[in-house]
């Protein structure tokens, strides 16, 4: 029951929020590095291959962030 202690719970919440912020920042950086607008391609153009690549990228960064936090 160690994970229910307040310090562990607060630490998990802080690291979770930090991980989400890092994911958003990373997506923005990748969006700026590409020659076209990722958000427009994903939402308006419904570009499925690009969505698959971005999803794989996001999962990869999430694994790295989770490993760094753990």
C-alpha atoms as a PDB file:
ATOM      1  CA  UNK A   1       0.000   0.000   0.000  1.00  0.00           C
ATOM      2  CA  UNK A   2       3.011   2.265  -0.378  1.00  0.00           C
ATOM      3  CA  UNK A   3       1.623   3.783  -3.576  1.00  0.00           C
ATOM      4  CA  UNK A   4      -1.368   5.191  -1.641  1.00  0.00           C
ATOM      5  CA  UNK A   5       0.800   7.384   0.562  1.00  0.00           C
ATOM      6  CA  UNK A   6       0.282  11.114  -0.070  1.00  0.00           C
ATOM      7  CA  UNK A   7       3.893  11.734  -1.100  1.00  0.00           C
ATOM      8  CA  UNK A   8       3.823   8.944  -3.693  1.00  0.00           C
ATOM      9  CA  UNK A   9       0.442  10.061  -5.014  1.00  0.00           C
ATOM     10  CA  UNK A  10       1.505  13.697  -5.347  1.00  0.00           C
ATOM     11  CA  UNK A  11       4.774  12.650  -6.982  1.00  0.00           C
ATOM     12  CA  UNK A  12       2.890  10.527  -9.517  1.00  0.00           C
ATOM     13  CA  UNK A  13       0.539  13.389 -10.328  1.00  0.00           C
ATOM     14  CA  UNK A  14       3.389  15.869 -10.747  1.00  0.00           C
ATOM     15  CA  UNK A  15       5.323  13.521 -13.029  1.00  0.00           C
ATOM     16  CA  UNK A  16       2.178  12.749 -15.033  1.00  0.00           C
ATOM     17  CA  UNK A  17       1.503  16.441 -15.610  1.00  0.00           C
ATOM     18  CA  UNK A  18       5.166  16.997 -16.459  1.00  0.00           C
ATOM     19  CA  UNK A  19       5.019  14.134 -18.975  1.00  0.00           C
ATOM     20  CA  UNK A  20       1.915  15.561 -20.677  1.00  0.00           C
ATOM     21  CA  UNK A  21       3.549  18.995 -20.900  1.00  0.00           C
ATOM     22  CA  UNK A  22       6.662  17.434 -22.435  1.00  0.00           C
ATOM     23  CA  UNK A  23       4.503  15.599 -24.989  1.00  0.00           C
ATOM     24  CA  UNK A  24       2.757  18.822 -26.029  1.00  0.00           C
ATOM     25  CA  UNK A  25       6.036  20.716 -26.306  1.00  0.00           C
ATOM     26  CA  UNK A  26       7.549  17.905 -28.363  1.00  0.00           C
ATOM     27  CA  UNK A  27       4.544  17.890 -30.727  1.00  0.00           C
ATOM     28  CA  UNK A  28       4.870  21.660 -31.181  1.00  0.00           C
ATOM     29  CA  UNK A  29       8.592  21.334 -31.945  1.00  0.00           C
ATOM     30  CA  UNK A  30       7.939  18.606 -34.534  1.00  0.00           C
ATOM     31  CA  UNK A  31       5.126  20.702 -36.015  1.00  0.00           C
ATOM     32  CA  UNK A  32       7.540  23.629 -36.440  1.00  0.00           C
ATOM     33  CA  UNK A  33      10.202  21.377 -38.011  1.00  0.00           C
ATOM     34  CA  UNK A  34       7.921  19.986 -40.726  1.00  0.00           C
ATOM     35  CA  UNK A  35       7.405  21.981 -43.932  1.00  0.00           C
ATOM     36  CA  UNK A  36       3.599  21.921 -43.594  1.00  0.00           C
ATOM     37  CA  UNK A  37       1.036  22.405 -40.814  1.00  0.00           C
ATOM     38  CA  UNK A  38       0.578  19.053 -39.066  1.00  0.00           C
ATOM     39  CA  UNK A  39      -2.630  20.049 -37.319  1.00  0.00           C
ATOM     40  CA  UNK A  40      -4.259  21.155 -40.593  1.00  0.00           C
ATOM     41  CA  UNK A  41      -3.150  17.958 -42.331  1.00  0.00           C
ATOM     42  CA  UNK A  42      -4.459  15.782 -39.501  1.00  0.00           C
ATOM     43  CA  UNK A  43      -7.784  17.512 -38.812  1.00  0.00           C
ATOM     44  CA  UNK A  44      -8.865  19.228 -42.014  1.00  0.00           C
ATOM     45  CA  UNK A  45      -7.247  17.012 -44.665  1.00  0.00           C
ATOM     46  CA  UNK A  46      -7.735  13.797 -42.627  1.00  0.00           C
ATOM     47  CA  UNK A  47      -4.361  12.474 -43.741  1.00  0.00           C
ATOM     48  CA  UNK A  48      -4.397   8.907 -42.337  1.00  0.00           C
ATOM     49  CA  UNK A  49      -0.767   7.968 -43.132  1.00  0.00           C
ATOM     50  CA  UNK A  50       0.468  11.132 -41.430  1.00  0.00           C
ATOM     51  CA  UNK A  51      -1.798  10.424 -38.452  1.00  0.00           C
ATOM     52  CA  UNK A  52      -0.244   6.970 -38.130  1.00  0.00           C
ATOM     53  CA  UNK A  53       3.278   8.390 -38.210  1.00  0.00           C
ATOM     54  CA  UNK A  54       2.420  11.080 -35.647  1.00  0.00           C
ATOM     55  CA  UNK A  55       0.767   8.476 -33.396  1.00  0.00           C
ATOM     56  CA  UNK A  56       3.874   6.290 -33.545  1.00  0.00           C
ATOM     57  CA  UNK A  57       6.017   9.321 -32.745  1.00  0.00           C
ATOM     58  CA  UNK A  58       3.834  10.249 -29.767  1.00  0.00           C
ATOM     59  CA  UNK A  59       3.912   6.684 -28.402  1.00  0.00           C
ATOM     60  CA  UNK A  60       7.707   6.601 -28.787  1.00  0.00           C
ATOM     61  CA  UNK A  61       8.161   9.893 -26.939  1.00  0.00           C
ATOM     62  CA  UNK A  62       5.716   8.723 -24.247  1.00  0.00           C
ATOM     63  CA  UNK A  63       7.779   5.574 -23.673  1.00  0.00           C
ATOM     64  CA  UNK A  64      10.951   7.657 -23.372  1.00  0.00           C
ATOM     65  CA  UNK A  65       9.297  10.090 -20.930  1.00  0.00           C
ATOM     66  CA  UNK A  66       7.856   7.223 -18.862  1.00  0.00           C
ATOM     67  CA  UNK A  67      11.247   5.514 -18.689  1.00  0.00           C
ATOM     68  CA  UNK A  68      12.949   8.747 -17.669  1.00  0.00           C
ATOM     69  CA  UNK A  69      10.393   9.416 -14.949  1.00  0.00           C
ATOM     70  CA  UNK A  70      10.317   5.868 -13.650  1.00  0.00           C
END
